[in-house]
């Protein structure tokens, strides 16, 4: 093989594995360096100060700042809240799937399949499900999900329980469906 000796006849499949080279290091509360950096960016810390506080390189801190800036202030917290509600409350999950399926013109099975893919929920919240269903619907879905995330942020600031939020969301969806039905759309 072009001057190199082959030590064994077996192919080493570990070279083809995707994944992390090193495990994610977490602090005593279970937060990763990225999560801690995002929290400090929320508090308007400078990149160099974040690198020092979190004990990461400046290059990593700059990359995290860029990633944080792409989504906007408070996005990670809102995503975590919806993800937590998704995992812990079956009623919320069911309504979320129903509304997303209706908005995108997909079946519930297709939506659930998409949500079960890696980063499926995050992609849905960011409006990044590229396929034939989103061509005419994307801007409306993005606006609705953005409004839902903003509502979650407001509820968090006010200390409102998740049950009240779900009830409010359910009422809003029911009203919207009724108005659409009344208008013939």
Protein backbone atom coordinates (compact mmCIF):
# COMPACT_ATOMS: atom_id res chain seq x y z
CA UNK A 1 0.00 0.00 0.00
CA UNK A 2 2.20 2.81 -1.27
CA UNK A 3 5.16 2.17 1.01
CA UNK A 4 3.24 1.83 4.31
CA UNK A 5 3.12 -1.43 6.19
CA UNK A 6 -0.20 -2.75 7.25
CA UNK A 7 -0.11 -4.06 10.79
CA UNK A 8 -3.32 -6.04 10.62
CA UNK A 9 -5.83 -7.20 8.09
CA UNK A 10 -8.71 -5.61 10.01
CA UNK A 11 -10.08 -2.17 9.35
CA UNK A 12 -10.24 0.08 12.41
CA UNK A 13 -13.82 1.35 12.44
CA UNK A 14 -13.11 3.78 15.28
CA UNK A 15 -11.68 6.18 12.70
CA UNK A 16 -15.10 6.45 11.09
CA UNK A 17 -17.12 7.08 14.25
CA UNK A 18 -18.68 10.47 14.65
CA UNK A 19 -18.78 11.94 18.08
CA UNK A 20 -16.85 13.80 20.67
CA UNK A 21 -13.17 13.30 21.09
CA UNK A 22 -13.46 14.23 24.76
CA UNK A 23 -16.47 14.06 27.11
CA UNK A 24 -18.26 17.26 28.11
CA UNK A 25 -16.92 18.49 31.42
CA UNK A 26 -19.62 19.72 33.76
CA UNK A 27 -19.45 21.75 36.95
CA UNK A 28 -20.91 20.66 40.30
CA UNK A 29 -24.41 21.79 39.20
CA UNK A 30 -24.23 19.79 35.96
CA UNK A 31 -23.80 22.77 33.62
CA UNK A 32 -21.38 22.60 30.71
CA UNK A 33 -18.84 25.33 29.92
CA UNK A 34 -21.06 26.40 27.02
CA UNK A 35 -24.10 26.82 29.30
CA UNK A 36 -22.07 28.81 31.83
CA UNK A 37 -20.63 31.00 29.05
CA UNK A 38 -24.12 31.68 27.66
CA UNK A 39 -25.32 32.67 31.13
CA UNK A 40 -22.44 35.14 31.48
CA UNK A 41 -23.13 36.58 28.00
CA UNK A 42 -26.71 37.13 29.16
CA UNK A 43 -25.25 39.27 31.96
CA UNK A 44 -23.27 41.29 29.37
CA UNK A 45 -19.84 39.93 30.30
CA UNK A 46 -17.05 40.53 27.77
CA UNK A 47 -15.64 37.57 25.83
CA UNK A 48 -12.24 37.75 27.59
CA UNK A 49 -13.89 37.87 31.02
CA UNK A 50 -16.07 34.85 30.13
CA UNK A 51 -13.00 32.91 28.97
CA UNK A 52 -11.32 33.62 32.29
CA UNK A 53 -14.39 32.86 34.45
CA UNK A 54 -15.35 29.63 32.68
CA UNK A 55 -11.72 28.55 32.18
CA UNK A 56 -11.93 28.10 28.42
CA UNK A 57 -9.72 29.47 25.65
CA UNK A 58 -10.46 32.87 24.15
CA UNK A 59 -11.12 31.23 20.79
CA UNK A 60 -13.74 28.96 22.35
CA UNK A 61 -15.28 31.91 24.18
CA UNK A 62 -15.49 33.84 20.88
CA UNK A 63 -17.15 30.86 19.17
CA UNK A 64 -19.64 30.53 22.04
CA UNK A 65 -20.37 34.27 21.86
CA UNK A 66 -21.03 33.98 18.13
CA UNK A 67 -23.36 31.00 18.71
CA UNK A 68 -25.13 32.83 21.53
CA UNK A 69 -25.57 35.94 19.38
CA UNK A 70 -27.14 34.02 16.49
CA UNK A 71 -30.14 33.02 18.59
CA UNK A 72 -30.60 36.14 20.67
CA UNK A 73 -30.73 36.92 24.32
CA UNK A 74 -32.55 34.37 26.48
CA UNK A 75 -32.99 31.76 23.75
CA UNK A 76 -31.20 28.93 25.57
CA UNK A 77 -33.33 29.43 28.68
CA UNK A 78 -36.55 29.43 26.70
CA UNK A 79 -35.46 26.34 24.74
CA UNK A 80 -34.61 24.52 27.97
CA UNK A 81 -38.02 25.44 29.43
CA UNK A 82 -39.94 24.11 26.43
CA UNK A 83 -37.72 21.01 26.32
CA UNK A 84 -38.39 20.39 30.03
CA UNK A 85 -42.14 20.84 29.54
CA UNK A 86 -41.97 18.54 26.51
CA UNK A 87 -40.31 15.77 28.54
CA UNK A 88 -42.32 16.10 31.74
CA UNK A 89 -45.83 16.97 30.58
CA UNK A 90 -47.55 14.63 28.10
CA UNK A 91 -50.47 17.05 27.57
CA UNK A 92 -48.12 19.82 26.48
CA UNK A 93 -46.28 17.41 24.16
CA UNK A 94 -49.53 16.20 22.59
CA UNK A 95 -50.79 19.74 21.97
CA UNK A 96 -47.42 20.83 20.63
CA UNK A 97 -47.35 17.94 18.12
CA UNK A 98 -50.98 18.56 17.09
CA UNK A 99 -50.40 22.28 16.52
CA UNK A 100 -47.13 21.75 14.67
CA UNK A 101 -48.66 19.05 12.46
CA UNK A 102 -51.61 21.30 11.63
CA UNK A 103 -49.43 24.34 10.92
CA UNK A 104 -47.08 22.40 8.64
CA UNK A 105 -49.68 20.20 6.98
CA UNK A 106 -47.85 17.09 8.17
CA UNK A 107 -49.18 14.00 9.87
CA UNK A 108 -48.61 13.60 13.59
CA UNK A 109 -46.41 10.58 12.86
CA UNK A 110 -44.14 12.67 10.61
CA UNK A 111 -43.86 15.43 13.23
CA UNK A 112 -43.05 12.95 16.00
CA UNK A 113 -40.44 11.31 13.77
CA UNK A 114 -38.83 14.70 13.13
CA UNK A 115 -38.89 15.64 16.80
CA UNK A 116 -37.21 12.35 17.75
CA UNK A 117 -34.25 13.05 15.50
CA UNK A 118 -31.16 14.59 17.11
CA UNK A 119 -31.82 18.28 17.74
CA UNK A 120 -35.33 17.87 16.33
CA UNK A 121 -37.02 20.11 18.90
CA UNK A 122 -34.33 22.77 18.58
CA UNK A 123 -34.64 22.72 14.79
CA UNK A 124 -38.43 23.05 15.06
CA UNK A 125 -38.13 26.02 17.42
CA UNK A 126 -35.63 27.68 15.09
CA UNK A 127 -37.82 26.99 12.04
CA UNK A 128 -35.17 24.77 10.45
CA UNK A 129 -37.08 21.82 9.13
CA UNK A 130 -36.13 22.08 5.46
CA UNK A 131 -38.60 20.13 3.37
CA UNK A 132 -41.55 20.51 1.05
CA UNK A 133 -43.93 21.35 3.90
CA UNK A 134 -42.22 24.55 4.93
CA UNK A 135 -42.11 26.45 1.64
CA UNK A 136 -45.24 28.53 2.18
CA UNK A 137 -45.60 28.08 5.91
CA UNK A 138 -42.15 28.80 7.35
CA UNK A 139 -42.62 32.48 8.19
CA UNK A 140 -45.93 31.82 9.97
CA UNK A 141 -44.50 28.91 11.95
CA UNK A 142 -41.41 30.92 12.89
CA UNK A 143 -43.60 33.79 14.08
CA UNK A 144 -45.79 31.46 16.16
CA UNK A 145 -42.85 29.63 17.73
CA UNK A 146 -41.06 32.91 18.39
CA UNK A 147 -44.17 34.26 20.10
CA UNK A 148 -44.43 31.06 22.16
CA UNK A 149 -40.79 31.39 23.26
CA UNK A 150 -41.35 35.04 24.18
CA UNK A 151 -44.41 34.03 26.20
CA UNK A 152 -42.37 31.40 28.05
CA UNK A 153 -39.74 34.03 28.86
CA UNK A 154 -42.39 36.41 30.22
CA UNK A 155 -43.94 33.66 32.33
CA UNK A 156 -40.52 32.72 33.72
CA UNK A 157 -39.84 36.31 34.70
CA UNK A 158 -43.20 36.53 36.46
CA UNK A 159 -42.85 33.17 38.20
CA UNK A 160 -46.05 31.74 36.71
CA UNK A 161 -46.39 27.93 37.02
CA UNK A 162 -46.08 25.83 33.86
CA UNK A 163 -49.68 24.61 34.22
CA UNK A 164 -50.99 28.17 33.82
CA UNK A 165 -48.80 28.63 30.74
CA UNK A 166 -50.15 25.43 29.18
CA UNK A 167 -53.71 26.48 29.92
CA UNK A 168 -53.09 29.87 28.34
CA UNK A 169 -51.49 28.32 25.25
CA UNK A 170 -54.39 25.88 24.93
CA UNK A 171 -56.91 28.74 25.14
CA UNK A 172 -55.02 30.74 22.51
CA UNK A 173 -54.89 27.78 20.13
CA UNK A 174 -58.57 27.01 20.66
CA UNK A 175 -59.51 30.64 19.98
CA UNK A 176 -57.36 30.73 16.86
CA UNK A 177 -58.94 27.51 15.53
CA UNK A 178 -62.44 28.86 16.27
CA UNK A 179 -61.70 32.16 14.51
CA UNK A 180 -60.27 30.32 11.50
CA UNK A 181 -63.34 28.10 11.36
CA UNK A 182 -65.72 31.08 11.71
CA UNK A 183 -63.97 32.96 8.89
CA UNK A 184 -64.20 29.92 6.61
CA UNK A 185 -60.40 29.38 6.45
